[in-house]
Amino acid sequence: MIKRPSPPCEVKIDGEWVRVPADEAHRVHREKPKRCPNCHGMMITAGSYTSEPRISLQHRKLHDGCPQIPRRFSGTAYPHPEALV
């Protein structure tokens, strides 16, 4: 079975936003703030602990300006209204 790459997110490490895979953010940086690399909205990691553990990313608050949320995306990308800086 081919393992899919973990989607990226940004984690605030030592005052800098660093892009890391979701599984690393979930395991290593669990307590640190995470944001979407596209809209900079706050994200959380969620785990599925079955025979093949899978970590997913979810926006804390959805909005229609992020292409990473296909079911809500309006077609025009713009920053999250509550973007993390």
PDB file of N, CA and C in Angstrom:
ATOM      1  N   MET A   1       0.836  -1.179   0.000  1.00  0.00           N
ATOM      2  CA  MET A   1       0.000   0.000   0.000  1.00  0.00           C
ATOM      3  C   MET A   1       0.884   1.248   0.000  1.00  0.00           C
ATOM      4  N   ILE A   2       0.538   2.223  -0.811  1.00  0.00           N
ATOM      5  CA  ILE A   2       1.296   3.467  -0.901  1.00  0.00           C
ATOM      6  C   ILE A   2       0.793   4.443   0.153  1.00  0.00           C
ATOM      7  N   LYS A   3       1.714   4.974   0.934  1.00  0.00           N
ATOM      8  CA  LYS A   3       1.357   5.937   1.966  1.00  0.00           C
ATOM      9  C   LYS A   3       1.318   7.337   1.354  1.00  0.00           C
ATOM     10  N   ARG A   4       0.188   8.017   1.567  1.00  0.00           N
ATOM     11  CA  ARG A   4       0.050   9.378   1.048  1.00  0.00           C
ATOM     12  C   ARG A   4       0.868  10.339   1.903  1.00  0.00           C
ATOM     13  N   PRO A   5       1.471  11.366   1.286  1.00  0.00           N
ATOM     14  CA  PRO A   5       2.212  12.340   2.087  1.00  0.00           C
ATOM     15  C   PRO A   5       1.254  13.144   2.967  1.00  0.00           C
ATOM     16  N   SER A   6       1.734  13.504   4.122  1.00  0.00           N
ATOM     17  CA  SER A   6       0.942  14.284   5.058  1.00  0.00           C
ATOM     18  C   SER A   6       0.818  15.721   4.555  1.00  0.00           C
ATOM     19  N   PRO A   7      -0.379  16.321   4.614  1.00  0.00           N
ATOM     20  CA  PRO A   7      -0.524  17.703   4.146  1.00  0.00           C
ATOM     21  C   PRO A   7       0.273  18.660   5.035  1.00  0.00           C
ATOM     22  N   PRO A   8       0.728  19.771   4.484  1.00  0.00           N
ATOM     23  CA  PRO A   8       1.523  20.706   5.283  1.00  0.00           C
ATOM     24  C   PRO A   8       0.659  21.680   6.081  1.00  0.00           C
ATOM     25  N   CYS A   9       1.237  22.164   7.164  1.00  0.00           N
ATOM     26  CA  CYS A   9       0.676  23.291   7.901  1.00  0.00           C
ATOM     27  C   CYS A   9       1.866  24.086   8.414  1.00  0.00           C
ATOM     28  N   GLU A  10       1.603  25.231   9.001  1.00  0.00           N
ATOM     29  CA  GLU A  10       2.680  26.033   9.581  1.00  0.00           C
ATOM     30  C   GLU A  10       2.532  26.011  11.091  1.00  0.00           C
ATOM     31  N   VAL A  11       3.657  25.858  11.779  1.00  0.00           N
ATOM     32  CA  VAL A  11       3.696  25.811  13.243  1.00  0.00           C
ATOM     33  C   VAL A  11       4.607  26.929  13.717  1.00  0.00           C
ATOM     34  N   LYS A  12       4.186  27.620  14.768  1.00  0.00           N
ATOM     35  CA  LYS A  12       5.011  28.705  15.309  1.00  0.00           C
ATOM     36  C   LYS A  12       6.044  28.105  16.268  1.00  0.00           C
ATOM     37  N   ILE A  13       7.313  28.120  15.814  1.00  0.00           N
ATOM     38  CA  ILE A  13       8.420  27.563  16.584  1.00  0.00           C
ATOM     39  C   ILE A  13       9.434  28.676  16.818  1.00  0.00           C
ATOM     40  N   ASP A  14       9.699  28.982  18.079  1.00  0.00           N
ATOM     41  CA  ASP A  14      10.643  30.045  18.457  1.00  0.00           C
ATOM     42  C   ASP A  14      10.309  31.363  17.759  1.00  0.00           C
ATOM     43  N   GLY A  15       9.019  31.696  17.681  1.00  0.00           N
ATOM     44  CA  GLY A  15       8.586  32.977  17.123  1.00  0.00           C
ATOM     45  C   GLY A  15       8.512  33.042  15.606  1.00  0.00           C
ATOM     46  N   GLU A  16       8.838  31.964  14.924  1.00  0.00           N
ATOM     47  CA  GLU A  16       8.815  31.915  13.456  1.00  0.00           C
ATOM     48  C   GLU A  16       7.813  30.869  12.983  1.00  0.00           C
ATOM     49  N   TRP A  17       7.110  31.143  11.882  1.00  0.00           N
ATOM     50  CA  TRP A  17       6.214  30.164  11.279  1.00  0.00           C
ATOM     51  C   TRP A  17       7.028  29.239  10.391  1.00  0.00           C
ATOM     52  N   VAL A  18       6.983  27.936  10.698  1.00  0.00           N
ATOM     53  CA  VAL A  18       7.751  26.919   9.982  1.00  0.00           C
ATOM     54  C   VAL A  18       6.776  25.918   9.360  1.00  0.00           C
ATOM     55  N   ARG A  19       6.949  25.607   8.067  1.00  0.00           N
ATOM     56  CA  ARG A  19       6.083  24.643   7.383  1.00  0.00           C
ATOM     57  C   ARG A  19       6.533  23.230   7.740  1.00  0.00           C
ATOM     58  N   VAL A  20       5.599  22.432   8.264  1.00  0.00           N
ATOM     59  CA  VAL A  20       5.880  21.045   8.634  1.00  0.00           C
ATOM     60  C   VAL A  20       4.713  20.160   8.190  1.00  0.00           C
ATOM     61  N   PRO A  21       4.953  18.859   8.008  1.00  0.00           N
ATOM     62  CA  PRO A  21       3.850  17.952   7.689  1.00  0.00           C
ATOM     63  C   PRO A  21       2.889  17.829   8.878  1.00  0.00           C
ATOM     64  N   ALA A  22       1.633  17.551   8.589  1.00  0.00           N
ATOM     65  CA  ALA A  22       0.610  17.459   9.636  1.00  0.00           C
ATOM     66  C   ALA A  22       0.945  16.414  10.691  1.00  0.00           C
ATOM     67  N   ASP A  23       1.497  15.277  10.266  1.00  0.00           N
ATOM     68  CA  ASP A  23       1.798  14.241  11.263  1.00  0.00           C
ATOM     69  C   ASP A  23       2.880  14.695  12.235  1.00  0.00           C
ATOM     70  N   GLU A  24       3.873  15.437  11.749  1.00  0.00           N
ATOM     71  CA  GLU A  24       4.902  15.978  12.648  1.00  0.00           C
ATOM     72  C   GLU A  24       4.302  17.039  13.568  1.00  0.00           C
ATOM     73  N   ALA A  25       3.451  17.900  13.026  1.00  0.00           N
ATOM     74  CA  ALA A  25       2.802  18.926  13.843  1.00  0.00           C
ATOM     75  C   ALA A  25       1.990  18.280  14.959  1.00  0.00           C
ATOM     76  N   HIS A  26       1.328  17.184  14.653  1.00  0.00           N
ATOM     77  CA  HIS A  26       0.494  16.489  15.640  1.00  0.00           C
ATOM     78  C   HIS A  26       1.333  15.781  16.704  1.00  0.00           C
ATOM     79  N   ARG A  27       2.401  15.126  16.296  1.00  0.00           N
ATOM     80  CA  ARG A  27       3.232  14.363  17.234  1.00  0.00           C
ATOM     81  C   ARG A  27       4.187  15.236  18.038  1.00  0.00           C
ATOM     82  N   VAL A  28       4.921  16.119  17.340  1.00  0.00           N
ATOM     83  CA  VAL A  28       6.034  16.841  17.963  1.00  0.00           C
ATOM     84  C   VAL A  28       5.634  18.215  18.502  1.00  0.00           C
ATOM     85  N   HIS A  29       4.728  18.891  17.809  1.00  0.00           N
ATOM     86  CA  HIS A  29       4.382  20.277  18.161  1.00  0.00           C
ATOM     87  C   HIS A  29       2.917  20.401  18.564  1.00  0.00           C
ATOM     88  N   ARG A  30       2.430  19.432  19.309  1.00  0.00           N
ATOM     89  CA  ARG A  30       1.009  19.357  19.650  1.00  0.00           C
ATOM     90  C   ARG A  30       0.464  20.627  20.308  1.00  0.00           C
ATOM     91  N   GLU A  31       1.227  21.244  21.192  1.00  0.00           N
ATOM     92  CA  GLU A  31       0.744  22.402  21.949  1.00  0.00           C
ATOM     93  C   GLU A  31       1.010  23.747  21.272  1.00  0.00           C
ATOM     94  N   LYS A  32       1.734  23.752  20.191  1.00  0.00           N
ATOM     95  CA  LYS A  32       2.088  25.010  19.523  1.00  0.00           C
ATOM     96  C   LYS A  32       0.979  25.451  18.572  1.00  0.00           C
ATOM     97  N   PRO A  33       0.858  26.777  18.339  1.00  0.00           N
ATOM     98  CA  PRO A  33      -0.148  27.268  17.393  1.00  0.00           C
ATOM     99  C   PRO A  33       0.152  26.773  15.978  1.00  0.00           C
ATOM    100  N   LYS A  34      -0.924  26.434  15.260  1.00  0.00           N
ATOM    101  CA  LYS A  34      -0.798  25.960  13.882  1.00  0.00           C
ATOM    102  C   LYS A  34      -1.691  26.821  12.998  1.00  0.00           C
ATOM    103  N   ARG A  35      -1.233  27.059  11.752  1.00  0.00           N
ATOM    104  CA  ARG A  35      -2.050  27.841  10.837  1.00  0.00           C
ATOM    105  C   ARG A  35      -1.986  27.251   9.429  1.00  0.00           C
ATOM    106  N   CYS A  36      -2.960  27.618   8.631  1.00  0.00           N
ATOM    107  CA  CYS A  36      -3.050  27.177   7.240  1.00  0.00           C
ATOM    108  C   CYS A  36      -1.993  27.903   6.419  1.00  0.00           C
ATOM    109  N   PRO A  37      -1.243  27.192   5.570  1.00  0.00           N
ATOM    110  CA  PRO A  37      -0.232  27.859   4.757  1.00  0.00           C
ATOM    111  C   PRO A  37      -0.831  28.734   3.655  1.00  0.00           C
ATOM    112  N   ASN A  38      -2.121  28.563   3.351  1.00  0.00           N
ATOM    113  CA  ASN A  38      -2.769  29.371   2.310  1.00  0.00           C
ATOM    114  C   ASN A  38      -3.398  30.645   2.851  1.00  0.00           C
ATOM    115  N   CYS A  39      -4.290  30.507   3.845  1.00  0.00           N
ATOM    116  CA  CYS A  39      -5.044  31.680   4.321  1.00  0.00           C
ATOM    117  C   CYS A  39      -4.589  32.185   5.681  1.00  0.00           C
ATOM    118  N   HIS A  40      -3.721  31.444   6.362  1.00  0.00           N
ATOM    119  CA  HIS A  40      -3.182  31.758   7.681  1.00  0.00           C
ATOM    120  C   HIS A  40      -4.223  31.702   8.798  1.00  0.00           C
ATOM    121  N   GLY A  41      -5.321  30.985   8.552  1.00  0.00           N
ATOM    122  CA  GLY A  41      -6.311  30.751   9.598  1.00  0.00           C
ATOM    123  C   GLY A  41      -5.824  29.687  10.564  1.00  0.00           C
ATOM    124  N   MET A  42      -6.319  29.721  11.803  1.00  0.00           N
ATOM    125  CA  MET A  42      -5.917  28.739  12.812  1.00  0.00           C
ATOM    126  C   MET A  42      -6.370  27.346  12.403  1.00  0.00           C
ATOM    127  N   MET A  43      -5.492  26.370  12.613  1.00  0.00           N
ATOM    128  CA  MET A  43      -5.802  24.986  12.284  1.00  0.00           C
ATOM    129  C   MET A  43      -5.605  24.104  13.506  1.00  0.00           C
ATOM    130  N   ILE A  44      -6.275  22.960  13.488  1.00  0.00           N
ATOM    131  CA  ILE A  44      -6.078  21.933  14.499  1.00  0.00           C
ATOM    132  C   ILE A  44      -5.750  20.631  13.769  1.00  0.00           C
ATOM    133  N   THR A  45      -5.078  19.727  14.472  1.00  0.00           N
ATOM    134  CA  THR A  45      -4.808  18.408  13.909  1.00  0.00           C
ATOM    135  C   THR A  45      -5.767  17.415  14.554  1.00  0.00           C
ATOM    136  N   ALA A  46      -6.199  16.453  13.764  1.00  0.00           N
ATOM    137  CA  ALA A  46      -7.096  15.416  14.268  1.00  0.00           C
ATOM    138  C   ALA A  46      -6.557  14.069  13.825  1.00  0.00           C
ATOM    139  N   GLY A  47      -6.596  13.100  14.715  1.00  0.00           N
ATOM    140  CA  GLY A  47      -6.059  11.784  14.397  1.00  0.00           C
ATOM    141  C   GLY A  47      -7.134  10.735  14.243  1.00  0.00           C
ATOM    142  N   SER A  48      -6.884   9.805  13.350  1.00  0.00           N
ATOM    143  CA  SER A  48      -7.720   8.623  13.158  1.00  0.00           C
ATOM    144  C   SER A  48      -6.835   7.450  13.543  1.00  0.00           C
ATOM    145  N   TYR A  49      -7.120   6.832  14.659  1.00  0.00           N
ATOM    146  CA  TYR A  49      -6.234   5.807  15.200  1.00  0.00           C
ATOM    147  C   TYR A  49      -6.759   4.415  14.886  1.00  0.00           C
ATOM    148  N   THR A  50      -6.713   4.063  13.619  1.00  0.00           N
ATOM    149  CA  THR A  50      -7.113   2.735  13.171  1.00  0.00           C
ATOM    150  C   THR A  50      -5.840   1.940  12.906  1.00  0.00           C
ATOM    151  N   SER A  51      -5.933   0.883  12.144  1.00  0.00           N
ATOM    152  CA  SER A  51      -4.742   0.084  11.855  1.00  0.00           C
ATOM    153  C   SER A  51      -3.685   0.906  11.130  1.00  0.00           C
ATOM    154  N   GLU A  52      -4.121   1.896  10.359  1.00  0.00           N
ATOM    155  CA  GLU A  52      -3.189   2.812   9.700  1.00  0.00           C
ATOM    156  C   GLU A  52      -3.492   4.223  10.191  1.00  0.00           C
ATOM    157  N   PRO A  53      -2.761   4.711  11.207  1.00  0.00           N
ATOM    158  CA  PRO A  53      -3.036   6.050  11.745  1.00  0.00           C
ATOM    159  C   PRO A  53      -2.929   7.116  10.650  1.00  0.00           C
ATOM    160  N   ARG A  54      -3.878   8.043  10.672  1.00  0.00           N
ATOM    161  CA  ARG A  54      -3.876   9.122   9.691  1.00  0.00           C
ATOM    162  C   ARG A  54      -4.194  10.436  10.410  1.00  0.00           C
ATOM    163  N   ILE A  55      -3.389  11.438  10.157  1.00  0.00           N
ATOM    164  CA  ILE A  55      -3.588  12.751  10.761  1.00  0.00           C
ATOM    165  C   ILE A  55      -4.158  13.679   9.696  1.00  0.00           C
ATOM    166  N   SER A  56      -5.179  14.431  10.078  1.00  0.00           N
ATOM    167  CA  SER A  56      -5.748  15.393   9.142  1.00  0.00           C
ATOM    168  C   SER A  56      -5.709  16.781   9.771  1.00  0.00           C
ATOM    169  N   LEU A  57      -5.806  17.778   8.920  1.00  0.00           N
ATOM    170  CA  LEU A  57      -5.833  19.169   9.360  1.00  0.00           C
ATOM    171  C   LEU A  57      -7.232  19.722   9.169  1.00  0.00           C
ATOM    172  N   GLN A  58      -7.660  20.569  10.104  1.00  0.00           N
ATOM    173  CA  GLN A  58      -8.972  21.198   9.999  1.00  0.00           C
ATOM    174  C   GLN A  58      -8.842  22.654  10.395  1.00  0.00           C
ATOM    175  N   HIS A  59      -9.503  23.527   9.635  1.00  0.00           N
ATOM    176  CA  HIS A  59      -9.559  24.927  10.025  1.00  0.00           C
ATOM    177  C   HIS A  59     -10.413  25.026  11.289  1.00  0.00           C
ATOM    178  N   ARG A  60      -9.967  25.838  12.219  1.00  0.00           N
ATOM    179  CA  ARG A  60     -10.731  26.031  13.462  1.00  0.00           C
ATOM    180  C   ARG A  60     -12.058  26.707  13.135  1.00  0.00           C
ATOM    181  N   LYS A  61     -12.016  27.729  12.260  1.00  0.00           N
ATOM    182  CA  LYS A  61     -13.221  28.409  11.779  1.00  0.00           C
ATOM    183  C   LYS A  61     -13.151  28.443  10.259  1.00  0.00           C
ATOM    184  N   LEU A  62     -14.166  27.915   9.611  1.00  0.00           N
ATOM    185  CA  LEU A  62     -14.193  27.884   8.151  1.00  0.00           C
ATOM    186  C   LEU A  62     -14.488  29.262   7.573  1.00  0.00           C
ATOM    187  N   HIS A  63     -14.017  29.482   6.364  1.00  0.00           N
ATOM    188  CA  HIS A  63     -14.377  30.664   5.596  1.00  0.00           C
ATOM    189  C   HIS A  63     -14.267  30.293   4.129  1.00  0.00           C
ATOM    190  N   ASP A  64     -14.837  31.111   3.252  1.00  0.00           N
ATOM    191  CA  ASP A  64     -14.912  30.718   1.842  1.00  0.00           C
ATOM    192  C   ASP A  64     -13.768  31.244   0.979  1.00  0.00           C
ATOM    193  N   GLY A  65     -12.692  31.737   1.575  1.00  0.00           N
ATOM    194  CA  GLY A  65     -11.572  32.261   0.813  1.00  0.00           C
ATOM    195  C   GLY A  65     -10.336  31.394   0.804  1.00  0.00           C
ATOM    196  N   CYS A  66     -10.455  30.137   1.246  1.00  0.00           N
ATOM    197  CA  CYS A  66      -9.286  29.257   1.292  1.00  0.00           C
ATOM    198  C   CYS A  66      -9.460  28.082   0.334  1.00  0.00           C
ATOM    199  N   PRO A  67      -8.549  27.942  -0.646  1.00  0.00           N
ATOM    200  CA  PRO A  67      -8.656  26.822  -1.577  1.00  0.00           C
ATOM    201  C   PRO A  67      -8.419  25.456  -0.926  1.00  0.00           C
ATOM    202  N   GLN A  68      -7.942  25.441   0.291  1.00  0.00           N
ATOM    203  CA  GLN A  68      -7.723  24.181   0.999  1.00  0.00           C
ATOM    204  C   GLN A  68      -9.039  23.607   1.544  1.00  0.00           C
ATOM    205  N   ILE A  69     -10.129  24.360   1.426  1.00  0.00           N
ATOM    206  CA  ILE A  69     -11.457  23.898   1.855  1.00  0.00           C
ATOM    207  C   ILE A  69     -12.350  23.849   0.610  1.00  0.00           C
ATOM    208  N   PRO A  70     -12.201  22.819  -0.223  1.00  0.00           N
ATOM    209  CA  PRO A  70     -12.906  22.782  -1.513  1.00  0.00           C
ATOM    210  C   PRO A  70     -14.421  22.942  -1.417  1.00  0.00           C
ATOM    211  N   ARG A  71     -15.056  22.389  -0.399  1.00  0.00           N
ATOM    212  CA  ARG A  71     -16.522  22.461  -0.316  1.00  0.00           C
ATOM    213  C   ARG A  71     -17.026  23.867   0.009  1.00  0.00           C
ATOM    214  N   ARG A  72     -16.154  24.739   0.533  1.00  0.00           N
ATOM    215  CA  ARG A  72     -16.554  26.102   0.893  1.00  0.00           C
ATOM    216  C   ARG A  72     -15.910  27.178   0.019  1.00  0.00           C
ATOM    217  N   PHE A  73     -14.909  26.807  -0.762  1.00  0.00           N
ATOM    218  CA  PHE A  73     -14.121  27.798  -1.507  1.00  0.00           C
ATOM    219  C   PHE A  73     -14.987  28.536  -2.533  1.00  0.00           C
ATOM    220  N   SER A  74     -14.908  29.860  -2.504  1.00  0.00           N
ATOM    221  CA  SER A  74     -15.710  30.706  -3.393  1.00  0.00           C
ATOM    222  C   SER A  74     -15.084  30.886  -4.770  1.00  0.00           C
ATOM    223  N   GLY A  75     -13.823  30.509  -4.908  1.00  0.00           N
ATOM    224  CA  GLY A  75     -13.124  30.704  -6.179  1.00  0.00           C
ATOM    225  C   GLY A  75     -12.146  31.864  -6.126  1.00  0.00           C
ATOM    226  N   THR A  76     -12.227  32.681  -5.093  1.00  0.00           N
ATOM    227  CA  THR A  76     -11.314  33.805  -4.903  1.00  0.00           C
ATOM    228  C   THR A  76     -10.605  33.622  -3.567  1.00  0.00           C
ATOM    229  N   ALA A  77      -9.290  33.454  -3.616  1.00  0.00           N
ATOM    230  CA  ALA A  77      -8.523  33.263  -2.380  1.00  0.00           C
ATOM    231  C   ALA A  77      -8.289  34.602  -1.685  1.00  0.00           C
ATOM    232  N   TYR A  78      -8.460  34.601  -0.381  1.00  0.00           N
ATOM    233  CA  TYR A  78      -8.140  35.770   0.433  1.00  0.00           C
ATOM    234  C   TYR A  78      -7.821  35.317   1.854  1.00  0.00           C
ATOM    235  N   PRO A  79      -7.095  36.140   2.626  1.00  0.00           N
ATOM    236  CA  PRO A  79      -6.700  35.751   3.980  1.00  0.00           C
ATOM    237  C   PRO A  79      -7.905  35.509   4.889  1.00  0.00           C
ATOM    238  N   HIS A  80      -7.698  34.654   5.852  1.00  0.00           N
ATOM    239  CA  HIS A  80      -8.737  34.359   6.861  1.00  0.00           C
ATOM    240  C   HIS A  80      -9.053  35.640   7.638  1.00  0.00           C
ATOM    241  N   PRO A  81     -10.316  35.873   7.961  1.00  0.00           N
ATOM    242  CA  PRO A  81     -10.669  37.078   8.739  1.00  0.00           C
ATOM    243  C   PRO A  81      -9.987  37.154  10.100  1.00  0.00           C
ATOM    244  N   GLU A  82      -9.615  35.991  10.653  1.00  0.00           N
ATOM    245  CA  GLU A  82      -8.917  35.946  11.945  1.00  0.00           C
ATOM    246  C   GLU A  82      -7.528  35.326  11.752  1.00  0.00           C
ATOM    247  N   ALA A  83      -6.826  35.775  10.723  1.00  0.00           N
ATOM    248  CA  ALA A  83      -5.514  35.222  10.376  1.00  0.00           C
ATOM    249  C   ALA A  83      -4.515  35.376  11.520  1.00  0.00           C
ATOM    250  N   LEU A  84      -3.678  34.348  11.698  1.00  0.00           N
ATOM    251  CA  LEU A  84      -2.607  34.386  12.692  1.00  0.00           C
ATOM    252  C   LEU A  84      -1.373  35.002  12.030  1.00  0.00           C
ATOM    253  N   VAL A  85      -0.756  35.925  12.705  1.00  0.00           N
ATOM    254  CA  VAL A  85       0.450  36.571  12.147  1.00  0.00           C
ATOM    255  C   VAL A  85       1.683  36.199  12.940  1.00  0.00           C
TER     256      VAL A  85
END
